[in-house]
Amino acid sequence: MSDIIKISHRKLEIKQIIEKLSSIAILPEVKKIIDNLEPSNNIEELKVELENVDEALRIIMRFERAPIMIDSDFRSILSLAFKEAKLS
């Protein structure tokens, strides 16, 4: 990592942001994803992620909270949904 990137990460407190996000994550799998986050300078990737954030914000504003609360591994639930199973 170049010196300018190290300086930028320190000034932007990237490590502290990742630690804070990880501390409020509920699912262990999400904590792993957060812990492995790396800043990106890929503009197309950033646009997609900003669209995802906008969509999440719209959902939260509509329901006044995130409408899904899962405290276990959600991958099995998603797998069933993709197979068009009925979910309770």
Protein backbone atom coordinates (compact mmCIF):
# COMPACT_ATOMS: atom_id res chain seq x y z
CA MET A 1 0.00 0.00 0.00
CA SER A 2 1.41 3.37 -0.97
CA ASP A 3 2.13 6.06 1.61
CA ILE A 4 -0.62 8.34 0.27
CA ILE A 5 -3.19 5.56 0.64
CA LYS A 6 -2.00 4.80 4.18
CA ILE A 7 -2.24 8.48 5.09
CA SER A 8 -5.70 8.73 3.52
CA HIS A 9 -6.93 5.64 5.40
CA ARG A 10 -5.62 7.06 8.66
CA LYS A 11 -7.14 10.52 8.10
CA LEU A 12 -10.48 9.04 7.04
CA GLU A 13 -10.35 6.67 10.03
CA ILE A 14 -11.16 3.67 7.83
CA LYS A 15 -10.06 1.18 10.50
CA GLN A 16 -12.29 2.81 13.14
CA ILE A 17 -15.27 2.86 10.77
CA ILE A 18 -14.87 -0.84 9.99
CA GLU A 19 -14.50 -1.66 13.70
CA LYS A 20 -17.68 0.30 14.52
CA LEU A 21 -19.67 -1.37 11.74
CA SER A 22 -18.47 -4.78 12.87
CA SER A 23 -19.42 -4.04 16.49
CA ILE A 24 -23.06 -3.36 15.55
CA ALA A 25 -23.46 -6.24 13.09
CA ILE A 26 -25.73 -9.00 14.35
CA LEU A 27 -24.83 -11.96 12.18
CA PRO A 28 -21.38 -13.58 12.38
CA GLU A 29 -21.26 -13.86 8.58
CA VAL A 30 -21.91 -10.13 8.24
CA LYS A 31 -19.17 -9.39 10.78
CA LYS A 32 -16.75 -11.40 8.62
CA ILE A 33 -17.77 -9.46 5.51
CA ILE A 34 -17.34 -6.15 7.31
CA ASP A 35 -13.96 -7.14 8.75
CA ASN A 36 -12.75 -7.90 5.21
CA LEU A 37 -13.96 -4.63 3.67
CA GLU A 38 -11.45 -2.62 1.69
CA PRO A 39 -11.93 0.88 0.30
CA SER A 40 -12.43 0.99 -3.44
CA ASN A 41 -11.66 3.54 -6.12
CA ASN A 42 -13.62 1.65 -8.80
CA ILE A 43 -16.26 4.22 -9.77
CA GLU A 44 -18.66 1.66 -11.28
CA GLU A 45 -18.48 -0.52 -8.17
CA LEU A 46 -19.07 2.54 -5.99
CA LYS A 47 -22.11 3.58 -8.06
CA VAL A 48 -23.67 0.13 -7.59
CA GLU A 49 -23.00 0.20 -3.85
CA LEU A 50 -24.50 3.70 -3.54
CA GLU A 51 -27.62 2.48 -5.35
CA ASN A 52 -27.82 -0.39 -2.83
CA VAL A 53 -27.53 2.08 0.05
CA ASP A 54 -30.24 4.28 -1.49
CA GLU A 55 -32.55 1.28 -1.83
CA ALA A 56 -31.91 0.21 1.79
CA LEU A 57 -32.60 3.75 2.98
CA ARG A 58 -35.89 3.88 1.06
CA ILE A 59 -36.96 0.58 2.65
CA ILE A 60 -36.01 1.76 6.14
CA MET A 61 -37.83 5.07 5.66
CA ARG A 62 -40.94 3.28 4.36
CA PHE A 63 -41.11 0.78 7.24
CA GLU A 64 -39.40 3.01 9.86
CA ARG A 65 -36.89 0.19 10.40
CA ALA A 66 -35.25 -2.59 8.47
CA PRO A 67 -38.21 -4.96 7.91
CA ILE A 68 -36.14 -8.12 8.34
CA MET A 69 -34.65 -9.17 11.64
CA ILE A 70 -32.63 -12.35 11.36
CA ASP A 71 -30.46 -13.61 14.18
CA SER A 72 -29.21 -16.74 12.45
CA ASP A 73 -27.60 -17.73 9.18
CA PHE A 74 -29.78 -16.26 6.44
CA ARG A 75 -28.17 -18.14 3.53
CA SER A 76 -30.45 -21.16 3.95
CA ILE A 77 -33.50 -18.87 3.91
CA LEU A 78 -32.29 -17.18 0.72
CA SER A 79 -31.62 -20.56 -0.86
CA LEU A 80 -35.21 -21.60 -0.18
CA ALA A 81 -36.54 -18.29 -1.52
CA PHE A 82 -34.61 -18.74 -4.76
CA LYS A 83 -36.23 -22.17 -5.10
CA GLU A 84 -39.62 -20.42 -4.75
CA ALA A 85 -40.39 -22.08 -1.44
CA LYS A 86 -43.00 -20.44 0.78
CA LEU A 87 -41.38 -18.57 3.65
CA SER A 88 -43.12 -17.70 6.89
